[in-house]
Amino acid sequence: MKPRKFGFFDGLLTLLVAAAALANVAAYGANGLSIGEFWSEFLGTEEKQTLVFRIDNPYVDVNGRKTSIDEHGSAPFIQDGVSLLPLKATYKTLGGSVDHDAGTGYATAKFANTLLNVKAGETNAEINGKTVTLGVAPVDKNGEIYVPARTIADALGADLSWDGETQSLTLSFKLGSSAAAEP
C-alpha cells in the first residue's frame, strides 16, 4: 500500500487550521484566558473544578488533593451566620488573580471573563459591573480579604454547597463554562 500524497488543497487546509489556532493562541491573553482555559474552549472540552473548604481549617481540597490555602495560614470562618472565604487564595488556586489595596480595602478578583470588585467593610460589591448586596461585608484580616462564599460562587458561576456536619463548603464548576455573565 502506497502512502497517501497530500495535494495542494490538503496542505492549504492544514495551513489554514494551524494559522487560525496560532492566531487564537496569540490572542488568548487579550481575552483574559489562561492557556488551559483557551484550549478548553478551542477544543470544546471542559475541566471540572471542585474546591472544598472547611471552616477554621487552613487547607483546601482541590479536585480531591489537599493543599495549604496559602503561606499565611488563611482559613475560612463564619461571621453573623455567613461563611467567608479568603478571596486571593481562592482565586489563585483556580489560576485567577486578585489586586488588593490594603490601604483602601478595595480588591479586584479576575478569573476567565469574570470580574469581582469588593471593599472591606462595605456590603455592596460588583460582579462584572453589576452591583450586588452582600449578606455581610468583606473583612480584611491579616492582609487577606475575606468575602462571603456565595458572592465568590456567584462571580465564578459555581455551585455552592454546605455540609453542616463537616463544616465544609464546596465550590464546583466546569472551566470553559464557569464564568458568570459576560463583562
C-alpha atoms as a PDB file:
ATOM      1  CA  MET A   1       0.000   0.000   0.000  1.00  0.00           C
ATOM      2  CA  LYS A   2       1.409   3.336  -1.069  1.00  0.00           C
ATOM      3  CA  PRO A   3       1.432   6.251   1.341  1.00  0.00           C
ATOM      4  CA  ARG A   4      -1.112   8.928   0.508  1.00  0.00           C
ATOM      5  CA  LYS A   5       0.288  12.048  -1.119  1.00  0.00           C
ATOM      6  CA  PHE A   6      -1.032  15.344   0.091  1.00  0.00           C
ATOM      7  CA  GLY A   7      -2.359  17.589  -2.607  1.00  0.00           C
ATOM      8  CA  PHE A   8      -2.460  21.344  -2.767  1.00  0.00           C
ATOM      9  CA  PHE A   9      -5.846  21.617  -1.006  1.00  0.00           C
ATOM     10  CA  ASP A  10      -4.820  19.239   1.808  1.00  0.00           C
ATOM     11  CA  GLY A  11      -1.789  21.416   2.504  1.00  0.00           C
ATOM     12  CA  LEU A  12      -3.805  24.617   2.268  1.00  0.00           C
ATOM     13  CA  LEU A  13      -6.438  23.305   4.698  1.00  0.00           C
ATOM     14  CA  THR A  14      -3.741  22.228   7.184  1.00  0.00           C
ATOM     15  CA  LEU A  15      -2.080  25.637   6.907  1.00  0.00           C
ATOM     16  CA  LEU A  16      -5.382  27.491   7.473  1.00  0.00           C
ATOM     17  CA  VAL A  17      -6.283  25.417  10.547  1.00  0.00           C
ATOM     18  CA  ALA A  18      -2.791  25.933  12.013  1.00  0.00           C
ATOM     19  CA  ALA A  19      -2.911  29.684  11.307  1.00  0.00           C
ATOM     20  CA  ALA A  20      -6.337  30.002  12.978  1.00  0.00           C
ATOM     21  CA  ALA A  21      -5.139  28.098  16.040  1.00  0.00           C
ATOM     22  CA  LEU A  22      -1.986  30.238  16.316  1.00  0.00           C
ATOM     23  CA  ALA A  23      -3.968  33.466  15.940  1.00  0.00           C
ATOM     24  CA  ASN A  24      -6.305  32.357  18.718  1.00  0.00           C
ATOM     25  CA  VAL A  25      -3.410  31.317  20.969  1.00  0.00           C
ATOM     26  CA  ALA A  26      -1.760  34.701  20.416  1.00  0.00           C
ATOM     27  CA  ALA A  27      -4.984  36.475  21.347  1.00  0.00           C
ATOM     28  CA  TYR A  28      -5.899  34.377  24.391  1.00  0.00           C
ATOM     29  CA  GLY A  29      -4.211  36.763  26.844  1.00  0.00           C
ATOM     30  CA  ALA A  30      -6.102  39.730  25.439  1.00  0.00           C
ATOM     31  CA  ASN A  31      -9.331  37.899  26.278  1.00  0.00           C
ATOM     32  CA  GLY A  32      -8.203  37.239  29.864  1.00  0.00           C
ATOM     33  CA  LEU A  33      -7.994  33.459  29.436  1.00  0.00           C
ATOM     34  CA  SER A  34      -5.245  31.224  30.716  1.00  0.00           C
ATOM     35  CA  ILE A  35      -3.728  28.945  28.100  1.00  0.00           C
ATOM     36  CA  GLY A  36      -5.563  25.988  29.668  1.00  0.00           C
ATOM     37  CA  GLU A  37      -8.890  27.824  29.505  1.00  0.00           C
ATOM     38  CA  PHE A  38      -8.180  28.805  25.894  1.00  0.00           C
ATOM     39  CA  TRP A  39      -7.513  25.218  24.821  1.00  0.00           C
ATOM     40  CA  SER A  40     -10.588  24.014  26.741  1.00  0.00           C
ATOM     41  CA  GLU A  41     -12.712  26.489  24.799  1.00  0.00           C
ATOM     42  CA  PHE A  42     -10.910  25.911  21.485  1.00  0.00           C
ATOM     43  CA  LEU A  43     -11.165  22.123  21.709  1.00  0.00           C
ATOM     44  CA  GLY A  44     -14.610  22.186  23.295  1.00  0.00           C
ATOM     45  CA  THR A  45     -13.544  20.379  26.448  1.00  0.00           C
ATOM     46  CA  GLU A  46     -14.396  21.377  29.975  1.00  0.00           C
ATOM     47  CA  GLU A  47     -12.436  20.511  33.067  1.00  0.00           C
ATOM     48  CA  LYS A  48     -14.421  20.202  36.306  1.00  0.00           C
ATOM     49  CA  GLN A  49     -13.014  22.023  39.312  1.00  0.00           C
ATOM     50  CA  THR A  50     -14.046  21.246  42.877  1.00  0.00           C
ATOM     51  CA  LEU A  51     -12.747  23.148  45.894  1.00  0.00           C
ATOM     52  CA  VAL A  52     -13.709  22.010  49.399  1.00  0.00           C
ATOM     53  CA  PHE A  53     -13.033  24.456  52.242  1.00  0.00           C
ATOM     54  CA  ARG A  54     -13.518  23.661  55.927  1.00  0.00           C
ATOM     55  CA  ILE A  55     -14.288  26.337  58.493  1.00  0.00           C
ATOM     56  CA  ASP A  56     -11.233  27.337  60.574  1.00  0.00           C
ATOM     57  CA  ASN A  57      -9.021  24.957  58.543  1.00  0.00           C
ATOM     58  CA  PRO A  58      -6.039  26.363  56.584  1.00  0.00           C
ATOM     59  CA  TYR A  59      -6.263  23.606  53.942  1.00  0.00           C
ATOM     60  CA  VAL A  60      -8.414  23.217  50.828  1.00  0.00           C
ATOM     61  CA  ASP A  61      -9.155  20.083  48.816  1.00  0.00           C
ATOM     62  CA  VAL A  62      -8.667  20.867  45.119  1.00  0.00           C
ATOM     63  CA  ASN A  63     -10.132  18.109  42.978  1.00  0.00           C
ATOM     64  CA  GLY A  64      -9.504  15.679  45.836  1.00  0.00           C
ATOM     65  CA  ARG A  65      -5.950  16.848  46.624  1.00  0.00           C
ATOM     66  CA  LYS A  66      -5.377  18.511  49.990  1.00  0.00           C
ATOM     67  CA  THR A  67      -3.208  21.630  49.863  1.00  0.00           C
ATOM     68  CA  SER A  68      -2.466  24.615  52.075  1.00  0.00           C
ATOM     69  CA  ILE A  69      -4.737  27.581  51.318  1.00  0.00           C
ATOM     70  CA  ASP A  70      -1.733  29.924  51.419  1.00  0.00           C
ATOM     71  CA  GLU A  71       1.527  30.522  53.256  1.00  0.00           C
ATOM     72  CA  HIS A  72      -0.164  32.736  55.865  1.00  0.00           C
ATOM     73  CA  GLY A  73      -2.488  30.066  57.265  1.00  0.00           C
ATOM     74  CA  SER A  74      -5.646  31.777  55.992  1.00  0.00           C
ATOM     75  CA  ALA A  75      -8.763  29.817  56.851  1.00  0.00           C
ATOM     76  CA  PRO A  76     -12.475  30.307  56.119  1.00  0.00           C
ATOM     77  CA  PHE A  77     -14.629  31.457  59.015  1.00  0.00           C
ATOM     78  CA  ILE A  78     -18.241  32.259  59.838  1.00  0.00           C
ATOM     79  CA  GLN A  79     -19.377  35.776  60.720  1.00  0.00           C
ATOM     80  CA  ASP A  80     -23.002  36.616  61.523  1.00  0.00           C
ATOM     81  CA  GLY A  81     -24.062  33.226  60.123  1.00  0.00           C
ATOM     82  CA  VAL A  82     -22.288  33.771  56.774  1.00  0.00           C
ATOM     83  CA  SER A  83     -19.270  31.748  55.616  1.00  0.00           C
ATOM     84  CA  LEU A  84     -16.363  33.863  54.373  1.00  0.00           C
ATOM     85  CA  LEU A  85     -13.559  32.604  52.120  1.00  0.00           C
ATOM     86  CA  PRO A  86     -10.117  34.134  51.561  1.00  0.00           C
ATOM     87  CA  LEU A  87     -10.536  35.885  48.197  1.00  0.00           C
ATOM     88  CA  LYS A  88      -6.935  35.939  46.990  1.00  0.00           C
ATOM     89  CA  ALA A  89      -6.198  32.346  47.968  1.00  0.00           C
ATOM     90  CA  THR A  90      -9.418  31.079  46.352  1.00  0.00           C
ATOM     91  CA  TYR A  91      -8.803  32.852  43.042  1.00  0.00           C
ATOM     92  CA  LYS A  92      -5.096  31.967  42.942  1.00  0.00           C
ATOM     93  CA  THR A  93      -5.977  28.299  43.500  1.00  0.00           C
ATOM     94  CA  LEU A  94      -8.042  28.487  40.303  1.00  0.00           C
ATOM     95  CA  GLY A  95      -5.362  30.344  38.342  1.00  0.00           C
ATOM     96  CA  GLY A  96      -7.003  33.750  38.672  1.00  0.00           C
ATOM     97  CA  SER A  97      -5.625  36.921  40.209  1.00  0.00           C
ATOM     98  CA  VAL A  98      -6.545  39.446  42.896  1.00  0.00           C
ATOM     99  CA  ASP A  99      -5.342  43.016  43.257  1.00  0.00           C
ATOM    100  CA  HIS A 100      -5.820  44.128  46.862  1.00  0.00           C
ATOM    101  CA  ASP A 101      -5.037  47.599  48.158  1.00  0.00           C
ATOM    102  CA  ALA A 102      -4.765  47.177  51.936  1.00  0.00           C
ATOM    103  CA  GLY A 103      -4.769  50.978  52.385  1.00  0.00           C
ATOM    104  CA  THR A 104      -8.205  51.465  50.823  1.00  0.00           C
ATOM    105  CA  GLY A 105      -9.622  47.971  51.409  1.00  0.00           C
ATOM    106  CA  TYR A 106     -10.538  47.553  47.734  1.00  0.00           C
ATOM    107  CA  ALA A 107      -9.951  44.235  45.980  1.00  0.00           C
ATOM    108  CA  THR A 108     -10.484  43.216  42.366  1.00  0.00           C
ATOM    109  CA  ALA A 109     -10.578  39.500  41.548  1.00  0.00           C
ATOM    110  CA  LYS A 110     -10.238  38.256  37.965  1.00  0.00           C
ATOM    111  CA  PHE A 111     -10.803  34.814  36.516  1.00  0.00           C
ATOM    112  CA  ALA A 112     -11.576  33.968  32.878  1.00  0.00           C
ATOM    113  CA  ASN A 113     -14.123  36.595  31.833  1.00  0.00           C
ATOM    114  CA  THR A 114     -15.335  37.432  35.350  1.00  0.00           C
ATOM    115  CA  LEU A 115     -14.516  40.460  37.429  1.00  0.00           C
ATOM    116  CA  LEU A 116     -15.403  40.837  41.113  1.00  0.00           C
ATOM    117  CA  ASN A 117     -14.875  44.155  42.940  1.00  0.00           C
ATOM    118  CA  VAL A 118     -15.279  44.357  46.714  1.00  0.00           C
ATOM    119  CA  LYS A 119     -14.291  46.668  49.544  1.00  0.00           C
ATOM    120  CA  ALA A 120     -13.681  45.615  53.134  1.00  0.00           C
ATOM    121  CA  GLY A 121     -16.449  46.913  55.383  1.00  0.00           C
ATOM    122  CA  GLU A 122     -18.965  47.586  52.562  1.00  0.00           C
ATOM    123  CA  THR A 123     -21.972  45.401  51.794  1.00  0.00           C
ATOM    124  CA  ASN A 124     -22.104  46.379  48.100  1.00  0.00           C
ATOM    125  CA  ALA A 125     -19.910  44.654  45.523  1.00  0.00           C
ATOM    126  CA  GLU A 126     -19.747  44.436  41.739  1.00  0.00           C
ATOM    127  CA  ILE A 127     -19.797  41.287  39.647  1.00  0.00           C
ATOM    128  CA  ASN A 128     -18.978  42.114  36.029  1.00  0.00           C
ATOM    129  CA  GLY A 129     -20.113  45.711  36.568  1.00  0.00           C
ATOM    130  CA  LYS A 130     -23.440  44.784  38.200  1.00  0.00           C
ATOM    131  CA  THR A 131     -23.945  45.921  41.804  1.00  0.00           C
ATOM    132  CA  VAL A 132     -24.912  43.193  44.267  1.00  0.00           C
ATOM    133  CA  THR A 133     -25.688  43.370  48.001  1.00  0.00           C
ATOM    134  CA  LEU A 134     -23.719  41.013  50.250  1.00  0.00           C
ATOM    135  CA  GLY A 135     -25.023  39.193  53.320  1.00  0.00           C
ATOM    136  CA  VAL A 136     -22.062  40.552  55.291  1.00  0.00           C
ATOM    137  CA  ALA A 137     -19.346  42.982  54.379  1.00  0.00           C
ATOM    138  CA  PRO A 138     -15.944  41.611  53.336  1.00  0.00           C
ATOM    139  CA  VAL A 139     -13.377  41.541  56.128  1.00  0.00           C
ATOM    140  CA  ASP A 140      -9.690  42.443  55.910  1.00  0.00           C
ATOM    141  CA  LYS A 141      -7.912  40.042  58.262  1.00  0.00           C
ATOM    142  CA  ASN A 142      -4.126  39.634  58.440  1.00  0.00           C
ATOM    143  CA  GLY A 143      -3.666  41.162  54.980  1.00  0.00           C
ATOM    144  CA  GLU A 144      -6.217  38.849  53.306  1.00  0.00           C
ATOM    145  CA  ILE A 145      -9.687  39.982  52.317  1.00  0.00           C
ATOM    146  CA  TYR A 146     -12.458  37.516  53.156  1.00  0.00           C
ATOM    147  CA  VAL A 147     -15.658  37.546  51.095  1.00  0.00           C
ATOM    148  CA  PRO A 148     -18.964  35.690  51.531  1.00  0.00           C
ATOM    149  CA  ALA A 149     -18.702  32.284  49.838  1.00  0.00           C
ATOM    150  CA  ARG A 150     -21.984  32.920  47.999  1.00  0.00           C
ATOM    151  CA  THR A 151     -20.506  36.043  46.375  1.00  0.00           C
ATOM    152  CA  ILE A 152     -17.455  34.136  45.128  1.00  0.00           C
ATOM    153  CA  ALA A 153     -19.668  31.314  43.832  1.00  0.00           C
ATOM    154  CA  ASP A 154     -21.917  33.791  42.019  1.00  0.00           C
ATOM    155  CA  ALA A 155     -18.938  35.584  40.463  1.00  0.00           C
ATOM    156  CA  LEU A 156     -17.486  32.283  39.217  1.00  0.00           C
ATOM    157  CA  GLY A 157     -20.823  30.825  38.129  1.00  0.00           C
ATOM    158  CA  ALA A 158     -20.127  27.942  40.525  1.00  0.00           C
ATOM    159  CA  ASP A 159     -22.384  25.665  42.516  1.00  0.00           C
ATOM    160  CA  LEU A 160     -22.017  26.134  46.266  1.00  0.00           C
ATOM    161  CA  SER A 161     -22.995  23.574  48.875  1.00  0.00           C
ATOM    162  CA  TRP A 162     -22.678  23.443  52.660  1.00  0.00           C
ATOM    163  CA  ASP A 163     -22.168  20.362  54.825  1.00  0.00           C
ATOM    164  CA  GLY A 164     -23.025  21.289  58.413  1.00  0.00           C
ATOM    165  CA  GLU A 165     -21.701  18.017  59.805  1.00  0.00           C
ATOM    166  CA  THR A 166     -18.172  18.562  58.480  1.00  0.00           C
ATOM    167  CA  GLN A 167     -18.416  22.387  58.489  1.00  0.00           C
ATOM    168  CA  SER A 168     -17.338  22.405  54.840  1.00  0.00           C
ATOM    169  CA  LEU A 169     -18.160  24.457  51.758  1.00  0.00           C
ATOM    170  CA  THR A 170     -17.862  23.002  48.259  1.00  0.00           C
ATOM    171  CA  LEU A 171     -17.446  25.180  45.166  1.00  0.00           C
ATOM    172  CA  SER A 172     -17.787  23.259  41.916  1.00  0.00           C
ATOM    173  CA  PHE A 173     -17.920  24.275  38.283  1.00  0.00           C
ATOM    174  CA  LYS A 174     -16.539  23.490  34.846  1.00  0.00           C
ATOM    175  CA  LEU A 175     -13.738  25.519  33.302  1.00  0.00           C
ATOM    176  CA  GLY A 176     -14.760  26.915  29.976  1.00  0.00           C
ATOM    177  CA  SER A 177     -18.347  27.399  31.176  1.00  0.00           C
ATOM    178  CA  SER A 178     -17.615  28.689  34.672  1.00  0.00           C
ATOM    179  CA  ALA A 179     -17.839  32.386  34.105  1.00  0.00           C
ATOM    180  CA  ALA A 180     -20.874  34.317  35.190  1.00  0.00           C
ATOM    181  CA  ALA A 181     -22.291  36.928  32.847  1.00  0.00           C
ATOM    182  CA  GLU A 182     -20.032  38.469  30.225  1.00  0.00           C
ATOM    183  CA  PRO A 183     -18.193  41.579  31.424  1.00  0.00           C
END
